Amino acid sequence: MSTATLTSKGQITIPAEVRRDLKVDTGDRVEFVLVGPGRYEFVAATSDVTALKGMFGATQKSVSVEAMNVAIAQRGAAAR
C-alpha cells in the first residue's frame, strides 16, 4: 500500500509506483471521483473522449438537436 502526506497547501506527492501504474506524468490531469460517503477514487484523466464510445450500449431512440435544445430550455426555465 502506498501512502502520501498532505502539505499545508493541500498538496500531495503521488508515489512513483502509483504514477507508473496509472501511466501519469508531469502535467497530466487526474480526477477525484466520489464513489461513496467519504470515499474517492483517484483516476488518470488521460483517456481520449472517444474511448467512451459504446460504454452505455446502443441508443434506444434518436433525438434531434432541436428537441434537445427545447428540453434544455424547459429545464433551465423550470430551475429558475
N, C-alpha and C. Protein backbone atom coordinates (compact mmCIF):
# COMPACT_ATOMS: atom_id res chain seq x y z
N MET A 1 0.85 -1.17 0.00
CA MET A 1 0.00 0.00 0.00
C MET A 1 0.89 1.23 0.00
N SER A 2 0.58 2.18 -0.87
CA SER A 2 1.33 3.43 -0.94
C SER A 2 0.62 4.50 -0.13
N THR A 3 1.40 5.37 0.51
CA THR A 3 0.82 6.46 1.28
C THR A 3 1.49 7.77 0.88
N ALA A 4 0.82 8.88 1.19
CA ALA A 4 1.36 10.21 0.93
C ALA A 4 0.91 11.11 2.06
N THR A 5 1.61 12.23 2.23
CA THR A 5 1.28 13.19 3.28
C THR A 5 0.78 14.47 2.65
N LEU A 6 -0.29 15.01 3.20
CA LEU A 6 -0.87 16.26 2.73
C LEU A 6 -0.08 17.43 3.30
N THR A 7 0.32 18.39 2.44
CA THR A 7 1.07 19.56 2.91
C THR A 7 0.09 20.63 3.40
N SER A 8 0.63 21.67 3.99
CA SER A 8 -0.21 22.77 4.47
C SER A 8 -0.90 23.49 3.33
N LYS A 9 -0.41 23.34 2.10
CA LYS A 9 -1.03 23.95 0.92
C LYS A 9 -2.05 23.01 0.26
N GLY A 10 -2.31 21.85 0.86
CA GLY A 10 -3.27 20.90 0.30
C GLY A 10 -2.70 20.07 -0.83
N GLN A 11 -1.40 19.96 -0.91
CA GLN A 11 -0.76 19.20 -1.98
C GLN A 11 -0.24 17.86 -1.47
N ILE A 12 -0.18 16.90 -2.39
CA ILE A 12 0.43 15.60 -2.07
C ILE A 12 1.38 15.23 -3.19
N THR A 13 2.36 14.42 -2.87
CA THR A 13 3.23 13.85 -3.89
C THR A 13 2.73 12.43 -4.12
N ILE A 14 2.36 12.15 -5.36
CA ILE A 14 1.87 10.81 -5.69
C ILE A 14 3.08 9.89 -5.78
N PRO A 15 3.07 8.80 -5.03
CA PRO A 15 4.21 7.88 -5.05
C PRO A 15 4.54 7.39 -6.46
N ALA A 16 5.82 7.22 -6.75
CA ALA A 16 6.28 6.81 -8.08
C ALA A 16 5.59 5.54 -8.56
N GLU A 17 5.39 4.59 -7.66
CA GLU A 17 4.73 3.32 -8.02
C GLU A 17 3.31 3.56 -8.54
N VAL A 18 2.59 4.46 -7.90
CA VAL A 18 1.22 4.78 -8.31
C VAL A 18 1.24 5.50 -9.65
N ARG A 19 2.16 6.46 -9.83
CA ARG A 19 2.27 7.18 -11.10
C ARG A 19 2.55 6.22 -12.24
N ARG A 20 3.42 5.24 -12.00
CA ARG A 20 3.73 4.25 -13.05
C ARG A 20 2.50 3.42 -13.38
N ASP A 21 1.80 2.94 -12.36
CA ASP A 21 0.61 2.11 -12.58
C ASP A 21 -0.47 2.86 -13.35
N LEU A 22 -0.65 4.15 -13.03
CA LEU A 22 -1.67 4.97 -13.70
C LEU A 22 -1.18 5.54 -15.03
N LYS A 23 0.11 5.39 -15.29
CA LYS A 23 0.72 5.94 -16.51
C LYS A 23 0.50 7.45 -16.61
N VAL A 24 0.75 8.15 -15.49
CA VAL A 24 0.65 9.61 -15.48
C VAL A 24 2.04 10.21 -15.28
N ASP A 25 2.20 11.39 -15.83
CA ASP A 25 3.49 12.07 -15.74
C ASP A 25 3.23 13.55 -15.49
N THR A 26 4.28 14.30 -15.35
CA THR A 26 4.19 15.73 -15.10
C THR A 26 3.25 16.40 -16.11
N GLY A 27 2.31 17.18 -15.60
CA GLY A 27 1.37 17.91 -16.46
C GLY A 27 0.10 17.15 -16.80
N ASP A 28 0.06 15.85 -16.54
CA ASP A 28 -1.16 15.08 -16.81
C ASP A 28 -2.25 15.46 -15.82
N ARG A 29 -3.49 15.30 -16.25
CA ARG A 29 -4.62 15.62 -15.39
C ARG A 29 -5.12 14.34 -14.71
N VAL A 30 -5.62 14.50 -13.50
CA VAL A 30 -6.22 13.39 -12.76
C VAL A 30 -7.57 13.87 -12.22
N GLU A 31 -8.43 12.94 -11.91
CA GLU A 31 -9.74 13.26 -11.37
C GLU A 31 -9.94 12.53 -10.05
N PHE A 32 -10.73 13.14 -9.19
CA PHE A 32 -11.14 12.52 -7.93
C PHE A 32 -12.63 12.27 -8.05
N VAL A 33 -13.02 11.00 -8.11
CA VAL A 33 -14.41 10.62 -8.34
C VAL A 33 -15.00 10.10 -7.03
N LEU A 34 -16.10 10.71 -6.60
CA LEU A 34 -16.79 10.27 -5.39
C LEU A 34 -17.44 8.92 -5.65
N VAL A 35 -17.06 7.91 -4.87
CA VAL A 35 -17.60 6.57 -5.05
C VAL A 35 -18.46 6.13 -3.86
N GLY A 36 -18.47 6.92 -2.82
CA GLY A 36 -19.28 6.63 -1.64
C GLY A 36 -19.00 7.68 -0.59
N PRO A 37 -19.79 7.71 0.45
CA PRO A 37 -19.58 8.70 1.50
C PRO A 37 -18.15 8.64 2.05
N GLY A 38 -17.42 9.74 1.90
CA GLY A 38 -16.06 9.79 2.41
C GLY A 38 -15.04 9.00 1.62
N ARG A 39 -15.42 8.51 0.42
CA ARG A 39 -14.50 7.69 -0.39
C ARG A 39 -14.42 8.25 -1.80
N TYR A 40 -13.20 8.46 -2.25
CA TYR A 40 -12.95 8.94 -3.60
C TYR A 40 -12.04 7.98 -4.33
N GLU A 41 -12.18 7.96 -5.64
CA GLU A 41 -11.30 7.17 -6.47
C GLU A 41 -10.43 8.15 -7.25
N PHE A 42 -9.15 7.90 -7.29
CA PHE A 42 -8.17 8.73 -7.98
C PHE A 42 -7.99 8.13 -9.37
N VAL A 43 -8.33 8.89 -10.43
CA VAL A 43 -8.35 8.35 -11.78
C VAL A 43 -7.52 9.22 -12.71
N ALA A 44 -6.70 8.61 -13.54
CA ALA A 44 -5.95 9.35 -14.56
C ALA A 44 -6.94 9.82 -15.61
N ALA A 45 -6.90 11.10 -15.94
CA ALA A 45 -7.80 11.67 -16.95
C ALA A 45 -7.06 11.80 -18.27
N THR A 46 -6.40 10.73 -18.66
CA THR A 46 -5.58 10.78 -19.86
C THR A 46 -6.24 10.11 -21.06
N SER A 47 -7.40 9.49 -20.87
CA SER A 47 -8.07 8.82 -21.98
C SER A 47 -8.75 9.83 -22.89
N ASP A 48 -8.77 9.52 -24.16
CA ASP A 48 -9.46 10.35 -25.13
C ASP A 48 -10.97 10.12 -24.99
N VAL A 49 -11.75 11.14 -25.26
CA VAL A 49 -13.20 11.04 -25.10
C VAL A 49 -13.78 9.94 -25.99
N THR A 50 -13.14 9.63 -27.12
CA THR A 50 -13.65 8.59 -28.00
C THR A 50 -13.60 7.20 -27.35
N ALA A 51 -12.82 7.06 -26.28
CA ALA A 51 -12.76 5.79 -25.56
C ALA A 51 -14.09 5.48 -24.87
N LEU A 52 -14.94 6.49 -24.70
CA LEU A 52 -16.24 6.30 -24.06
C LEU A 52 -17.30 5.73 -25.01
N LYS A 53 -17.02 5.76 -26.30
CA LYS A 53 -17.99 5.29 -27.29
C LYS A 53 -18.42 3.86 -27.00
N GLY A 54 -19.73 3.63 -26.96
CA GLY A 54 -20.27 2.30 -26.73
C GLY A 54 -20.35 1.90 -25.28
N MET A 55 -19.95 2.76 -24.38
CA MET A 55 -19.92 2.44 -22.96
C MET A 55 -21.32 2.11 -22.42
N PHE A 56 -22.34 2.74 -22.96
CA PHE A 56 -23.69 2.57 -22.44
C PHE A 56 -24.60 1.78 -23.38
N GLY A 57 -24.04 1.13 -24.38
CA GLY A 57 -24.83 0.34 -25.30
C GLY A 57 -25.46 1.20 -26.39
N ALA A 58 -26.26 0.55 -27.21
CA ALA A 58 -26.92 1.24 -28.32
C ALA A 58 -28.01 2.17 -27.80
N THR A 59 -28.24 3.25 -28.53
CA THR A 59 -29.29 4.19 -28.14
C THR A 59 -30.66 3.56 -28.37
N GLN A 60 -31.60 3.91 -27.53
CA GLN A 60 -32.95 3.36 -27.64
C GLN A 60 -33.80 4.12 -28.66
N LYS A 61 -33.59 5.44 -28.75
CA LYS A 61 -34.30 6.24 -29.74
C LYS A 61 -33.46 7.45 -30.10
N SER A 62 -33.68 7.98 -31.29
CA SER A 62 -32.95 9.17 -31.74
C SER A 62 -33.66 10.41 -31.25
N VAL A 63 -32.89 11.42 -30.98
CA VAL A 63 -33.45 12.71 -30.57
C VAL A 63 -32.76 13.77 -31.41
N SER A 64 -33.54 14.66 -32.00
CA SER A 64 -32.95 15.71 -32.83
C SER A 64 -32.30 16.78 -31.96
N VAL A 65 -31.42 17.55 -32.56
CA VAL A 65 -30.76 18.64 -31.84
C VAL A 65 -31.81 19.66 -31.40
N GLU A 66 -32.80 19.90 -32.24
CA GLU A 66 -33.87 20.84 -31.88
C GLU A 66 -34.63 20.37 -30.64
N ALA A 67 -34.94 19.08 -30.59
CA ALA A 67 -35.64 18.53 -29.42
C ALA A 67 -34.77 18.63 -28.17
N MET A 68 -33.47 18.43 -28.31
CA MET A 68 -32.56 18.57 -27.17
C MET A 68 -32.55 20.02 -26.68
N ASN A 69 -32.50 20.97 -27.63
CA ASN A 69 -32.49 22.38 -27.25
C ASN A 69 -33.77 22.78 -26.52
N VAL A 70 -34.91 22.27 -26.97
CA VAL A 70 -36.19 22.54 -26.30
C VAL A 70 -36.18 21.99 -24.89
N ALA A 71 -35.71 20.76 -24.72
CA ALA A 71 -35.65 20.13 -23.39
C ALA A 71 -34.72 20.92 -22.45
N ILE A 72 -33.59 21.35 -22.98
CA ILE A 72 -32.64 22.13 -22.17
C ILE A 72 -33.28 23.45 -21.74
N ALA A 73 -33.95 24.12 -22.69
CA ALA A 73 -34.60 25.40 -22.37
C ALA A 73 -35.69 25.22 -21.33
N GLN A 74 -36.47 24.15 -21.45
CA GLN A 74 -37.55 23.89 -20.49
C GLN A 74 -37.00 23.62 -19.09
N ARG A 75 -35.96 22.81 -19.00
CA ARG A 75 -35.36 22.51 -17.69
C ARG A 75 -34.73 23.76 -17.09
N GLY A 76 -34.10 24.57 -17.94
CA GLY A 76 -33.49 25.80 -17.47
C GLY A 76 -34.53 26.76 -16.91
N ALA A 77 -35.67 26.87 -17.60
CA ALA A 77 -36.76 27.76 -17.15
C ALA A 77 -37.37 27.23 -15.86
N ALA A 78 -37.48 25.91 -15.73
CA ALA A 78 -38.07 25.32 -14.54
C ALA A 78 -37.17 25.49 -13.31
N ALA A 79 -35.87 25.61 -13.54
CA ALA A 79 -34.92 25.73 -12.43
C ALA A 79 -34.91 27.13 -11.81
N ARG A 80 -35.48 28.08 -12.52
CA ARG A 80 -35.46 29.47 -12.02
C ARG A 80 -36.54 29.74 -11.05
